[in-house]
Amino acid sequence: MRIVFPAILLMVVSGCTGTSRIDALDLKPSDEIVSSISSAPEPAGEVGEDKMITALSGATPVSQAREAAFPSGALPEEHVALVPPSNALKKNQGRQTIYRQRFSDAKPVSFKGAAPHPFQVHGVDVSKYQGDIDWPTLRRHGASFAFIKATEGDDHKDSHFARNWRAAAEAGIPRGAYHFYYWCSTAKAQAEWFIRNVPKAEGALPPVIDVEWNAHSRNCRKRPDRHHVVREMKTFMDIIERHYGQRPIIYTAPDFYRDNLRGQFSDYSFWLRSVVAHPKQVYPDRDWAFWQYSGTGLSGGVDGHIDLNVFNGTAESWQRWIGKRTL
């Protein structure tokens, strides 16, 4: 899968340090070493905007924070000129335009280790709680990928999945679907439910299994033992991989990882939640592909909060990886 746009804009970040054993989202360990850019300095030429965004301190009201970060909702003319066409997700026909991220945060923090902002490739994850999304605007504000909630358990489908799945593709945003795993149902039943509701789509990112403890569930707060967790996850992921032809990504949070996943699934790509520190501070033994760094993000195109993420690689390694998608 390759993506056509009228021009290519790559944000250059220098001073890259750190390495990952896996080429970000490659489906198996690679001999190629990709810089993680986790310690990259602030990009030249963007100090004014970055200072403006990070100046938002404390718990800022959403409307006030968005107005401070995106006055009048407008982008500079040079960004507007690069709006991708609606047929942007075409296979083997070019490269994806990487827009400089213009996200803000209603509750900004000083990250321990290294901040996510200098990373070159940013994206979002969404569900029905983001309401009606203006996907072209979200794209221009820096969403280079999107993970979209599709299903939960063996009987729940996100009510906005179909429209988000279609609209993200029309806006030229590579997207993948995620499943929130339910510990009161079997892996087989949940995999079959996901397959019933998520189409095979050319250029789609790998499917995601979201595994967490769900202490706020109204009807299932089970916390099975580590052996059960690993066995059920493997069953689910094997079924999904056979159907979609791509190895799933594992999304998780610190407590669940500590209880169940440390030392497990070394041949899978991980998407890690860490909202106060760089992943190496929280998951020191784990290579990772994506980092979810905020649940209170702000962006043009979305009313309210949105989850923000970065890809663990350079813009060039991202181009290579999405170029391999042949689904």
C-alpha atoms as a PDB file:
ATOM      1  CA  MET A   1       0.000   0.000   0.000  1.00  0.00           C
ATOM      2  CA  ARG A   2       1.279   3.416  -0.955  1.00  0.00           C
ATOM      3  CA  ILE A   3      -0.438   6.760  -0.651  1.00  0.00           C
ATOM      4  CA  VAL A   4      -0.755   9.513  -3.255  1.00  0.00           C
ATOM      5  CA  PHE A   5      -0.555  13.165  -2.363  1.00  0.00           C
ATOM      6  CA  PRO A   6       0.236  16.232  -4.474  1.00  0.00           C
ATOM      7  CA  ALA A   7       3.350  17.058  -2.488  1.00  0.00           C
ATOM      8  CA  ILE A   8       5.586  15.659   0.221  1.00  0.00           C
ATOM      9  CA  LEU A   9       6.222  17.523   3.436  1.00  0.00           C
ATOM     10  CA  LEU A  10       8.511  15.833   5.906  1.00  0.00           C
ATOM     11  CA  MET A  11       9.344  17.381   9.247  1.00  0.00           C
ATOM     12  CA  VAL A  12      13.082  16.965   9.805  1.00  0.00           C
ATOM     13  CA  VAL A  13      14.225  15.992  13.271  1.00  0.00           C
ATOM     14  CA  SER A  14      17.924  15.680  14.008  1.00  0.00           C
ATOM     15  CA  GLY A  15      19.988  14.232  16.807  1.00  0.00           C
ATOM     16  CA  CYS A  16      18.234  10.845  16.818  1.00  0.00           C
ATOM     17  CA  THR A  17      19.240   8.431  19.538  1.00  0.00           C
ATOM     18  CA  GLY A  18      18.085   5.038  20.683  1.00  0.00           C
ATOM     19  CA  THR A  19      17.261   1.956  18.637  1.00  0.00           C
ATOM     20  CA  SER A  20      14.510  -0.594  18.264  1.00  0.00           C
ATOM     21  CA  ARG A  21      15.053  -4.258  17.450  1.00  0.00           C
ATOM     22  CA  ILE A  22      11.929  -4.285  15.328  1.00  0.00           C
ATOM     23  CA  ASP A  23      11.482  -1.898  12.412  1.00  0.00           C
ATOM     24  CA  ALA A  24       8.550  -0.290  14.178  1.00  0.00           C
ATOM     25  CA  LEU A  25       5.636  -2.357  12.881  1.00  0.00           C
ATOM     26  CA  ASP A  26       7.442  -5.001  10.865  1.00  0.00           C
ATOM     27  CA  LEU A  27       5.752  -8.336  11.318  1.00  0.00           C
ATOM     28  CA  LYS A  28       8.945 -10.070  12.389  1.00  0.00           C
ATOM     29  CA  PRO A  29      12.284  -8.958  13.894  1.00  0.00           C
ATOM     30  CA  SER A  30      14.376  -7.136  11.349  1.00  0.00           C
ATOM     31  CA  ASP A  31      18.131  -6.737  10.945  1.00  0.00           C
ATOM     32  CA  GLU A  32      17.487  -3.078  10.150  1.00  0.00           C
ATOM     33  CA  ILE A  33      18.043  -0.680  13.055  1.00  0.00           C
ATOM     34  CA  VAL A  34      15.667   2.271  13.183  1.00  0.00           C
ATOM     35  CA  SER A  35      16.379   5.360  15.249  1.00  0.00           C
ATOM     36  CA  SER A  36      13.660   5.966  17.795  1.00  0.00           C
ATOM     37  CA  ILE A  37      14.123   9.789  17.853  1.00  0.00           C
ATOM     38  CA  SER A  38      13.018   9.688  21.484  1.00  0.00           C
ATOM     39  CA  SER A  39      15.741  12.110  22.523  1.00  0.00           C
ATOM     40  CA  ALA A  40      15.623  14.393  19.512  1.00  0.00           C
ATOM     41  CA  PRO A  41      15.928  18.140  20.163  1.00  0.00           C
ATOM     42  CA  GLU A  42      13.210  20.620  19.329  1.00  0.00           C
ATOM     43  CA  PRO A  43      12.978  20.984  15.526  1.00  0.00           C
ATOM     44  CA  ALA A  44      14.379  24.227  14.174  1.00  0.00           C
ATOM     45  CA  GLY A  45      11.879  26.716  12.849  1.00  0.00           C
ATOM     46  CA  GLU A  46       8.984  25.592  15.050  1.00  0.00           C
ATOM     47  CA  VAL A  47       9.891  27.120  18.374  1.00  0.00           C
ATOM     48  CA  GLY A  48       7.168  29.740  18.311  1.00  0.00           C
ATOM     49  CA  GLU A  49       4.302  27.296  17.930  1.00  0.00           C
ATOM     50  CA  ASP A  50       5.777  24.740  20.307  1.00  0.00           C
ATOM     51  CA  LYS A  51       6.176  27.353  23.028  1.00  0.00           C
ATOM     52  CA  MET A  52       2.637  28.510  22.433  1.00  0.00           C
ATOM     53  CA  ILE A  53       1.247  24.996  22.872  1.00  0.00           C
ATOM     54  CA  THR A  54       3.334  23.966  25.866  1.00  0.00           C
ATOM     55  CA  ALA A  55       2.488  27.217  27.619  1.00  0.00           C
ATOM     56  CA  LEU A  56      -0.962  25.790  28.298  1.00  0.00           C
ATOM     57  CA  SER A  57      -0.534  24.643  31.887  1.00  0.00           C
ATOM     58  CA  GLY A  58      -2.826  22.923  34.328  1.00  0.00           C
ATOM     59  CA  ALA A  59      -6.307  21.635  33.552  1.00  0.00           C
ATOM     60  CA  THR A  60      -7.338  24.046  30.813  1.00  0.00           C
ATOM     61  CA  PRO A  61     -10.947  24.103  29.569  1.00  0.00           C
ATOM     62  CA  VAL A  62     -11.183  22.413  26.165  1.00  0.00           C
ATOM     63  CA  SER A  63     -12.555  25.437  24.307  1.00  0.00           C
ATOM     64  CA  GLN A  64      -9.954  27.784  25.784  1.00  0.00           C
ATOM     65  CA  ALA A  65      -7.052  25.454  25.093  1.00  0.00           C
ATOM     66  CA  ARG A  66      -8.134  24.817  21.514  1.00  0.00           C
ATOM     67  CA  GLU A  67      -8.552  28.525  20.823  1.00  0.00           C
ATOM     68  CA  ALA A  68      -5.063  29.179  22.180  1.00  0.00           C
ATOM     69  CA  ALA A  69      -3.510  26.440  20.055  1.00  0.00           C
ATOM     70  CA  PHE A  70      -5.545  26.911  16.879  1.00  0.00           C
ATOM     71  CA  PRO A  71      -6.731  30.537  16.534  1.00  0.00           C
ATOM     72  CA  SER A  72      -9.791  30.694  14.277  1.00  0.00           C
ATOM     73  CA  GLY A  73      -9.238  27.029  13.481  1.00  0.00           C
ATOM     74  CA  ALA A  74      -7.029  28.057  10.574  1.00  0.00           C
ATOM     75  CA  LEU A  75      -3.773  26.575   9.351  1.00  0.00           C
ATOM     76  CA  PRO A  76      -1.013  28.365   7.450  1.00  0.00           C
ATOM     77  CA  GLU A  77      -1.682  28.589   3.721  1.00  0.00           C
ATOM     78  CA  GLU A  78       1.123  26.181   2.839  1.00  0.00           C
ATOM     79  CA  HIS A  79      -0.558  23.418   4.876  1.00  0.00           C
ATOM     80  CA  VAL A  80      -4.014  24.024   3.450  1.00  0.00           C
ATOM     81  CA  ALA A  81      -2.605  23.673  -0.059  1.00  0.00           C
ATOM     82  CA  LEU A  82      -1.601  20.094   0.731  1.00  0.00           C
ATOM     83  CA  VAL A  83      -5.088  18.749   1.486  1.00  0.00           C
ATOM     84  CA  PRO A  84      -5.024  15.154   0.167  1.00  0.00           C
ATOM     85  CA  PRO A  85      -7.575  13.991  -2.414  1.00  0.00           C
ATOM     86  CA  SER A  86     -10.425  11.714  -1.353  1.00  0.00           C
ATOM     87  CA  ASN A  87      -8.874   8.754  -3.183  1.00  0.00           C
ATOM     88  CA  ALA A  88      -5.637   9.119  -1.227  1.00  0.00           C
ATOM     89  CA  LEU A  89      -5.446   5.481  -0.106  1.00  0.00           C
ATOM     90  CA  LYS A  90      -4.287   3.995  -3.392  1.00  0.00           C
ATOM     91  CA  LYS A  91      -1.828   1.145  -3.538  1.00  0.00           C
ATOM     92  CA  ASN A  92       1.704   1.617  -4.896  1.00  0.00           C
ATOM     93  CA  GLN A  93       1.184   5.177  -6.143  1.00  0.00           C
ATOM     94  CA  GLY A  94       3.407   7.442  -4.112  1.00  0.00           C
ATOM     95  CA  ARG A  95       4.178   8.511  -0.575  1.00  0.00           C
ATOM     96  CA  GLN A  96       2.142   9.864   2.283  1.00  0.00           C
ATOM     97  CA  THR A  97       2.403  13.534   3.120  1.00  0.00           C
ATOM     98  CA  ILE A  98       3.500  13.896   6.752  1.00  0.00           C
ATOM     99  CA  TYR A  99       1.966  17.034   8.219  1.00  0.00           C
ATOM    100  CA  ARG A 100       3.679  18.766  11.124  1.00  0.00           C
ATOM    101  CA  GLN A 101       1.593  17.938  14.192  1.00  0.00           C
ATOM    102  CA  ARG A 102      -0.424  20.802  15.667  1.00  0.00           C
ATOM    103  CA  PHE A 103      -2.006  18.969  18.581  1.00  0.00           C
ATOM    104  CA  SER A 104      -2.392  20.474  22.029  1.00  0.00           C
ATOM    105  CA  ASP A 105      -3.466  19.052  25.379  1.00  0.00           C
ATOM    106  CA  ALA A 106      -6.077  20.077  27.925  1.00  0.00           C
ATOM    107  CA  LYS A 107      -3.843  18.728  30.699  1.00  0.00           C
ATOM    108  CA  PRO A 108      -0.228  19.025  29.527  1.00  0.00           C
ATOM    109  CA  VAL A 109       2.535  17.308  31.479  1.00  0.00           C
ATOM    110  CA  SER A 110       6.325  17.389  31.602  1.00  0.00           C
ATOM    111  CA  PHE A 111       7.265  13.914  30.428  1.00  0.00           C
ATOM    112  CA  LYS A 112       9.887  11.923  32.276  1.00  0.00           C
ATOM    113  CA  GLY A 113      12.671  10.729  30.014  1.00  0.00           C
ATOM    114  CA  ALA A 114      11.700  12.376  26.733  1.00  0.00           C
ATOM    115  CA  ALA A 115       8.641  14.117  25.335  1.00  0.00           C
ATOM    116  CA  PRO A 116       6.586  12.844  22.383  1.00  0.00           C
ATOM    117  CA  HIS A 117       6.390  16.154  20.538  1.00  0.00           C
ATOM    118  CA  PRO A 118       9.636  15.885  18.491  1.00  0.00           C
ATOM    119  CA  PHE A 119       8.587  12.551  16.959  1.00  0.00           C
ATOM    120  CA  GLN A 120       8.007  12.860  13.240  1.00  0.00           C
ATOM    121  CA  VAL A 121       4.855  10.749  12.798  1.00  0.00           C
ATOM    122  CA  HIS A 122       1.820  11.403  14.993  1.00  0.00           C
ATOM    123  CA  GLY A 123      -1.625   9.857  15.018  1.00  0.00           C
ATOM    124  CA  VAL A 124      -4.841   9.342  16.967  1.00  0.00           C
ATOM    125  CA  ASP A 125      -7.168   6.642  18.225  1.00  0.00           C
ATOM    126  CA  VAL A 126     -10.894   7.232  18.304  1.00  0.00           C
ATOM    127  CA  SER A 127     -14.245   5.747  19.246  1.00  0.00           C
ATOM    128  CA  LYS A 128     -17.855   6.934  19.405  1.00  0.00           C
ATOM    129  CA  TYR A 129     -16.883   9.283  22.243  1.00  0.00           C
ATOM    130  CA  GLN A 130     -15.194  11.656  19.763  1.00  0.00           C
ATOM    131  CA  GLY A 131     -18.567  12.215  18.089  1.00  0.00           C
ATOM    132  CA  ASP A 132     -18.651  13.387  14.488  1.00  0.00           C
ATOM    133  CA  ILE A 133     -15.055  13.896  13.378  1.00  0.00           C
ATOM    134  CA  ASP A 134     -13.979  16.239  10.603  1.00  0.00           C
ATOM    135  CA  TRP A 135     -11.349  13.863   9.239  1.00  0.00           C
ATOM    136  CA  PRO A 136      -9.758  16.142   6.590  1.00  0.00           C
ATOM    137  CA  THR A 137      -9.211  18.809   9.272  1.00  0.00           C
ATOM    138  CA  LEU A 138      -7.823  16.241  11.696  1.00  0.00           C
ATOM    139  CA  ARG A 139      -5.492  15.075   8.918  1.00  0.00           C
ATOM    140  CA  ARG A 140      -4.169  18.590   8.318  1.00  0.00           C
ATOM    141  CA  HIS A 141      -3.529  19.044  12.035  1.00  0.00           C
ATOM    142  CA  GLY A 142      -1.110  16.121  12.043  1.00  0.00           C
ATOM    143  CA  ALA A 143      -2.960  12.788  12.145  1.00  0.00           C
ATOM    144  CA  SER A 144      -0.807  10.543   9.967  1.00  0.00           C
ATOM    145  CA  PHE A 145      -2.563   7.389  11.173  1.00  0.00           C
ATOM    146  CA  ALA A 146      -5.674   6.431  13.124  1.00  0.00           C
ATOM    147  CA  PHE A 147      -6.736   3.414  15.151  1.00  0.00           C
ATOM    148  CA  ILE A 148     -10.517   3.144  15.265  1.00  0.00           C
ATOM    149  CA  LYS A 149     -12.514   1.204  17.838  1.00  0.00           C
ATOM    150  CA  ALA A 150     -14.523  -1.505  16.140  1.00  0.00           C
ATOM    151  CA  THR A 151     -15.686  -4.064  18.681  1.00  0.00           C
ATOM    152  CA  GLU A 152     -15.747  -5.057  22.338  1.00  0.00           C
ATOM    153  CA  GLY A 153     -16.309  -8.527  23.733  1.00  0.00           C
ATOM    154  CA  ASP A 154     -18.445 -10.818  21.588  1.00  0.00           C
ATOM    155  CA  ASP A 155     -21.535  -8.668  21.059  1.00  0.00           C
ATOM    156  CA  HIS A 156     -20.704  -4.946  21.052  1.00  0.00           C
ATOM    157  CA  LYS A 157     -19.841  -2.834  18.010  1.00  0.00           C
ATOM    158  CA  ASP A 158     -18.821   0.803  18.272  1.00  0.00           C
ATOM    159  CA  SER A 159     -21.696   2.831  16.813  1.00  0.00           C
ATOM    160  CA  HIS A 160     -19.337   5.173  14.923  1.00  0.00           C
ATOM    161  CA  PHE A 161     -16.992   2.517  13.536  1.00  0.00           C
ATOM    162  CA  ALA A 162     -18.385   2.274  10.006  1.00  0.00           C
ATOM    163  CA  ARG A 163     -18.469   6.030   9.413  1.00  0.00           C
ATOM    164  CA  ASN A 164     -15.013   6.565  10.964  1.00  0.00           C
ATOM    165  CA  TRP A 165     -13.530   3.683   8.967  1.00  0.00           C
ATOM    166  CA  ARG A 166     -14.842   5.100   5.705  1.00  0.00           C
ATOM    167  CA  ALA A 167     -14.162   8.781   6.427  1.00  0.00           C
ATOM    168  CA  ALA A 168     -10.582   8.240   7.611  1.00  0.00           C
ATOM    169  CA  ALA A 169      -9.750   6.469   4.354  1.00  0.00           C
ATOM    170  CA  GLU A 170     -11.416   9.199   2.303  1.00  0.00           C
ATOM    171  CA  ALA A 171      -9.266  11.771   4.109  1.00  0.00           C
ATOM    172  CA  GLY A 172      -6.112   9.843   3.216  1.00  0.00           C
ATOM    173  CA  ILE A 173      -5.351   8.584   6.726  1.00  0.00           C
ATOM    174  CA  PRO A 174      -4.043   5.013   7.054  1.00  0.00           C
ATOM    175  CA  ARG A 175      -6.298   3.359   9.615  1.00  0.00           C
ATOM    176  CA  GLY A 176      -6.586   0.172  11.594  1.00  0.00           C
ATOM    177  CA  ALA A 177      -9.355  -1.308  13.723  1.00  0.00           C
ATOM    178  CA  TYR A 178      -9.052  -2.253  17.376  1.00  0.00           C
ATOM    179  CA  HIS A 179     -10.906  -4.690  19.610  1.00  0.00           C
ATOM    180  CA  PHE A 180     -11.368  -4.142  23.336  1.00  0.00           C
ATOM    181  CA  TYR A 181     -10.870  -7.563  24.892  1.00  0.00           C
ATOM    182  CA  TYR A 182     -13.484  -8.783  27.352  1.00  0.00           C
ATOM    183  CA  TRP A 183     -12.354 -11.225  30.038  1.00  0.00           C
ATOM    184  CA  CYS A 184     -15.816 -12.784  30.448  1.00  0.00           C
ATOM    185  CA  SER A 185     -15.981 -14.225  26.926  1.00  0.00           C
ATOM    186  CA  THR A 186     -13.929 -16.719  24.941  1.00  0.00           C
ATOM    187  CA  ALA A 187     -11.159 -15.728  22.568  1.00  0.00           C
ATOM    188  CA  LYS A 188     -12.787 -17.616  19.704  1.00  0.00           C
ATOM    189  CA  ALA A 189     -16.144 -15.865  20.123  1.00  0.00           C
ATOM    190  CA  GLN A 190     -14.492 -12.443  20.266  1.00  0.00           C
ATOM    191  CA  ALA A 191     -12.308 -13.098  17.218  1.00  0.00           C
ATOM    192  CA  GLU A 192     -15.336 -14.222  15.234  1.00  0.00           C
ATOM    193  CA  TRP A 193     -17.230 -11.082  16.294  1.00  0.00           C
ATOM    194  CA  PHE A 194     -14.359  -8.833  15.209  1.00  0.00           C
ATOM    195  CA  ILE A 195     -14.137 -10.588  11.831  1.00  0.00           C
ATOM    196  CA  ARG A 196     -17.894 -10.196  11.303  1.00  0.00           C
ATOM    197  CA  ASN A 197     -17.664  -6.436  11.783  1.00  0.00           C
ATOM    198  CA  VAL A 198     -14.272  -5.367  10.389  1.00  0.00           C
ATOM    199  CA  PRO A 199     -13.812  -5.729   6.624  1.00  0.00           C
ATOM    200  CA  LYS A 200     -10.613  -6.730   4.921  1.00  0.00           C
ATOM    201  CA  ALA A 201      -9.514  -3.454   3.383  1.00  0.00           C
ATOM    202  CA  GLU A 202      -6.636  -2.695   1.074  1.00  0.00           C
ATOM    203  CA  GLY A 203      -4.019  -0.639   2.863  1.00  0.00           C
ATOM    204  CA  ALA A 204      -5.431  -1.160   6.359  1.00  0.00           C
ATOM    205  CA  LEU A 205      -3.037  -1.104   9.294  1.00  0.00           C
ATOM    206  CA  PRO A 206      -2.772  -4.335  11.303  1.00  0.00           C
ATOM    207  CA  PRO A 207      -5.694  -5.076  13.633  1.00  0.00           C
ATOM    208  CA  VAL A 208      -5.194  -4.327  17.330  1.00  0.00           C
ATOM    209  CA  ILE A 209      -6.092  -6.273  20.470  1.00  0.00           C
ATOM    210  CA  ASP A 210      -6.614  -3.879  23.403  1.00  0.00           C
ATOM    211  CA  VAL A 211      -5.921  -5.727  26.655  1.00  0.00           C
ATOM    212  CA  GLU A 212      -6.473  -3.985  29.987  1.00  0.00           C
ATOM    213  CA  TRP A 213      -7.992  -4.560  33.392  1.00  0.00           C
ATOM    214  CA  ASN A 214     -11.517  -3.187  33.299  1.00  0.00           C
ATOM    215  CA  ALA A 215     -12.239  -2.171  36.874  1.00  0.00           C
ATOM    216  CA  HIS A 216     -15.170   0.017  35.822  1.00  0.00           C
ATOM    217  CA  SER A 217     -17.130  -2.590  33.905  1.00  0.00           C
ATOM    218  CA  ARG A 218     -20.727  -2.991  35.024  1.00  0.00           C
ATOM    219  CA  ASN A 219     -20.878  -6.711  34.383  1.00  0.00           C
ATOM    220  CA  CYS A 220     -17.359  -8.139  34.093  1.00  0.00           C
ATOM    221  CA  ARG A 221     -14.480  -7.246  36.387  1.00  0.00           C
ATOM    222  CA  LYS A 222     -12.689 -10.587  36.149  1.00  0.00           C
ATOM    223  CA  ARG A 223      -8.910 -10.613  36.492  1.00  0.00           C
ATOM    224  CA  PRO A 224      -7.820 -14.038  35.255  1.00  0.00           C
ATOM    225  CA  ASP A 225      -4.345 -15.344  35.999  1.00  0.00           C
ATOM    226  CA  ARG A 226      -1.368 -14.749  33.731  1.00  0.00           C
ATOM    227  CA  HIS A 227      -1.500 -18.208  32.156  1.00  0.00           C
ATOM    228  CA  HIS A 228      -5.142 -17.733  31.147  1.00  0.00           C
ATOM    229  CA  VAL A 229      -4.487 -14.239  29.782  1.00  0.00           C
ATOM    230  CA  VAL A 230      -1.577 -15.320  27.600  1.00  0.00           C
ATOM    231  CA  ARG A 231      -3.377 -18.409  26.302  1.00  0.00           C
ATOM    232  CA  GLU A 232      -6.552 -16.516  25.383  1.00  0.00           C
ATOM    233  CA  MET A 233      -4.656 -13.655  23.758  1.00  0.00           C
ATOM    234  CA  LYS A 234      -2.686 -16.093  21.608  1.00  0.00           C
ATOM    235  CA  THR A 235      -5.863 -17.868  20.500  1.00  0.00           C
ATOM    236  CA  PHE A 236      -7.519 -14.571  19.556  1.00  0.00           C
ATOM    237  CA  MET A 237      -4.474 -13.254  17.724  1.00  0.00           C
ATOM    238  CA  ASP A 238      -3.885 -16.476  15.777  1.00  0.00           C
ATOM    239  CA  ILE A 239      -7.464 -16.416  14.442  1.00  0.00           C
ATOM    240  CA  ILE A 240      -7.200 -12.746  13.519  1.00  0.00           C
ATOM    241  CA  GLU A 241      -3.837 -13.194  11.813  1.00  0.00           C
ATOM    242  CA  ARG A 242      -5.097 -16.096   9.713  1.00  0.00           C
ATOM    243  CA  HIS A 243      -8.079 -14.071   8.535  1.00  0.00           C
ATOM    244  CA  TYR A 244      -6.460 -10.692   7.830  1.00  0.00           C
ATOM    245  CA  GLY A 245      -2.987 -11.862   6.872  1.00  0.00           C
ATOM    246  CA  GLN A 246      -1.342  -9.456   9.322  1.00  0.00           C
ATOM    247  CA  ARG A 247      -0.041 -10.099  12.800  1.00  0.00           C
ATOM    248  CA  PRO A 248      -2.072  -8.050  15.321  1.00  0.00           C
ATOM    249  CA  ILE A 249      -0.623  -5.234  17.384  1.00  0.00           C
ATOM    250  CA  ILE A 250      -0.963  -5.475  21.172  1.00  0.00           C
ATOM    251  CA  TYR A 251      -2.183  -2.370  23.004  1.00  0.00           C
ATOM    252  CA  THR A 252      -1.833  -2.325  26.784  1.00  0.00           C
ATOM    253  CA  ALA A 253      -1.431  -0.208  29.910  1.00  0.00           C
ATOM    254  CA  PRO A 254       1.243  -0.326  32.653  1.00  0.00           C
ATOM    255  CA  ASP A 255      -0.622  -2.367  35.281  1.00  0.00           C
ATOM    256  CA  PHE A 256      -1.833  -5.008  32.852  1.00  0.00           C
ATOM    257  CA  TYR A 257       1.608  -5.264  31.270  1.00  0.00           C
ATOM    258  CA  ARG A 258       3.236  -5.702  34.681  1.00  0.00           C
ATOM    259  CA  ASP A 259       0.777  -8.430  35.689  1.00  0.00           C
ATOM    260  CA  ASN A 260       0.712 -10.396  32.454  1.00  0.00           C
ATOM    261  CA  LEU A 261       2.886  -9.378  29.514  1.00  0.00           C
ATOM    262  CA  ARG A 262       6.408  -8.806  30.732  1.00  0.00           C
ATOM    263  CA  GLY A 263       8.584 -11.244  28.813  1.00  0.00           C
ATOM    264  CA  GLN A 264       5.684 -12.384  26.594  1.00  0.00           C
ATOM    265  CA  PHE A 265       5.013 -11.995  22.851  1.00  0.00           C
ATOM    266  CA  SER A 266       8.458 -10.760  21.854  1.00  0.00           C
ATOM    267  CA  ASP A 267       7.612 -11.307  18.173  1.00  0.00           C
ATOM    268  CA  TYR A 268       4.607  -8.968  18.271  1.00  0.00           C
ATOM    269  CA  SER A 269       4.492  -5.191  17.888  1.00  0.00           C
ATOM    270  CA  PHE A 270       3.342  -3.283  20.977  1.00  0.00           C
ATOM    271  CA  TRP A 271       1.360  -0.076  21.330  1.00  0.00           C
ATOM    272  CA  LEU A 272       1.983   1.219  24.853  1.00  0.00           C
ATOM    273  CA  ARG A 273       0.059   3.671  27.003  1.00  0.00           C
ATOM    274  CA  SER A 274       2.206   6.034  29.069  1.00  0.00           C
ATOM    275  CA  VAL A 275       0.828   9.491  29.798  1.00  0.00           C
ATOM    276  CA  VAL A 276       3.517  10.846  32.140  1.00  0.00           C
ATOM    277  CA  ALA A 277       6.779   9.322  30.899  1.00  0.00           C
ATOM    278  CA  HIS A 278       8.563   8.000  27.843  1.00  0.00           C
ATOM    279  CA  PRO A 279       7.803   4.256  27.401  1.00  0.00           C
ATOM    280  CA  LYS A 280      11.376   3.289  28.264  1.00  0.00           C
ATOM    281  CA  GLN A 281      10.727   4.697  31.737  1.00  0.00           C
ATOM    282  CA  VAL A 282       7.617   2.546  32.213  1.00  0.00           C
ATOM    283  CA  TYR A 283       8.340  -0.512  30.045  1.00  0.00           C
ATOM    284  CA  PRO A 284      12.159  -0.707  30.129  1.00  0.00           C
ATOM    285  CA  ASP A 285      12.317  -4.221  28.716  1.00  0.00           C
ATOM    286  CA  ARG A 286       9.986  -3.745  25.757  1.00  0.00           C
ATOM    287  CA  ASP A 287      10.499  -2.623  22.171  1.00  0.00           C
ATOM    288  CA  TRP A 288       7.466  -0.749  20.921  1.00  0.00           C
ATOM    289  CA  ALA A 289       5.876   0.519  17.722  1.00  0.00           C
ATOM    290  CA  PHE A 290       3.370   3.101  19.003  1.00  0.00           C
ATOM    291  CA  TRP A 291       3.169   5.233  22.121  1.00  0.00           C
ATOM    292  CA  GLN A 292      -0.157   6.591  23.363  1.00  0.00           C
ATOM    293  CA  TYR A 293       0.944   9.655  25.278  1.00  0.00           C
ATOM    294  CA  SER A 294      -2.297  11.510  26.010  1.00  0.00           C
ATOM    295  CA  GLY A 295      -5.969  10.883  26.606  1.00  0.00           C
ATOM    296  CA  THR A 296      -6.782  14.597  26.804  1.00  0.00           C
ATOM    297  CA  GLY A 297      -5.495  15.762  23.439  1.00  0.00           C
ATOM    298  CA  LEU A 298      -6.996  18.629  21.475  1.00  0.00           C
ATOM    299  CA  SER A 299      -7.143  19.005  17.717  1.00  0.00           C
ATOM    300  CA  GLY A 300      -8.986  20.792  15.002  1.00  0.00           C
ATOM    301  CA  GLY A 301     -11.674  18.530  13.590  1.00  0.00           C
ATOM    302  CA  VAL A 302     -12.703  17.101  16.972  1.00  0.00           C
ATOM    303  CA  ASP A 303     -14.909  18.538  19.708  1.00  0.00           C
ATOM    304  CA  GLY A 304     -13.604  17.463  23.084  1.00  0.00           C
ATOM    305  CA  HIS A 305     -10.651  15.247  23.933  1.00  0.00           C
ATOM    306  CA  ILE A 306      -8.870  12.783  21.673  1.00  0.00           C
ATOM    307  CA  ASP A 307      -6.133  10.209  22.336  1.00  0.00           C
ATOM    308  CA  LEU A 308      -2.744  11.141  20.865  1.00  0.00           C
ATOM    309  CA  ASN A 309       0.015   8.775  19.734  1.00  0.00           C
ATOM    310  CA  VAL A 310       3.380   8.649  18.010  1.00  0.00           C
ATOM    311  CA  PHE A 311       5.069   6.093  15.771  1.00  0.00           C
ATOM    312  CA  ASN A 312       8.458   4.858  17.001  1.00  0.00           C
ATOM    313  CA  GLY A 313      10.505   5.645  13.931  1.00  0.00           C
ATOM    314  CA  THR A 314      11.405   8.318  11.440  1.00  0.00           C
ATOM    315  CA  ALA A 315       9.120   9.620   8.726  1.00  0.00           C
ATOM    316  CA  GLU A 316      11.189   7.652   6.250  1.00  0.00           C
ATOM    317  CA  SER A 317      10.803   4.361   8.143  1.00  0.00           C
ATOM    318  CA  TRP A 318       7.058   5.022   8.322  1.00  0.00           C
ATOM    319  CA  GLN A 319       6.955   5.470   4.538  1.00  0.00           C
ATOM    320  CA  ARG A 320       8.789   2.176   4.079  1.00  0.00           C
ATOM    321  CA  TRP A 321       6.477   0.369   6.441  1.00  0.00           C
ATOM    322  CA  ILE A 322       3.177   1.541   5.008  1.00  0.00           C
ATOM    323  CA  GLY A 323       4.586   0.817   1.569  1.00  0.00           C
ATOM    324  CA  LYS A 324       4.660  -2.867   2.529  1.00  0.00           C
ATOM    325  CA  ARG A 325       0.934  -3.049   3.272  1.00  0.00           C
ATOM    326  CA  THR A 326      -0.530  -5.228   0.550  1.00  0.00           C
ATOM    327  CA  LEU A 327      -3.754  -6.313   2.277  1.00  0.00           C
END
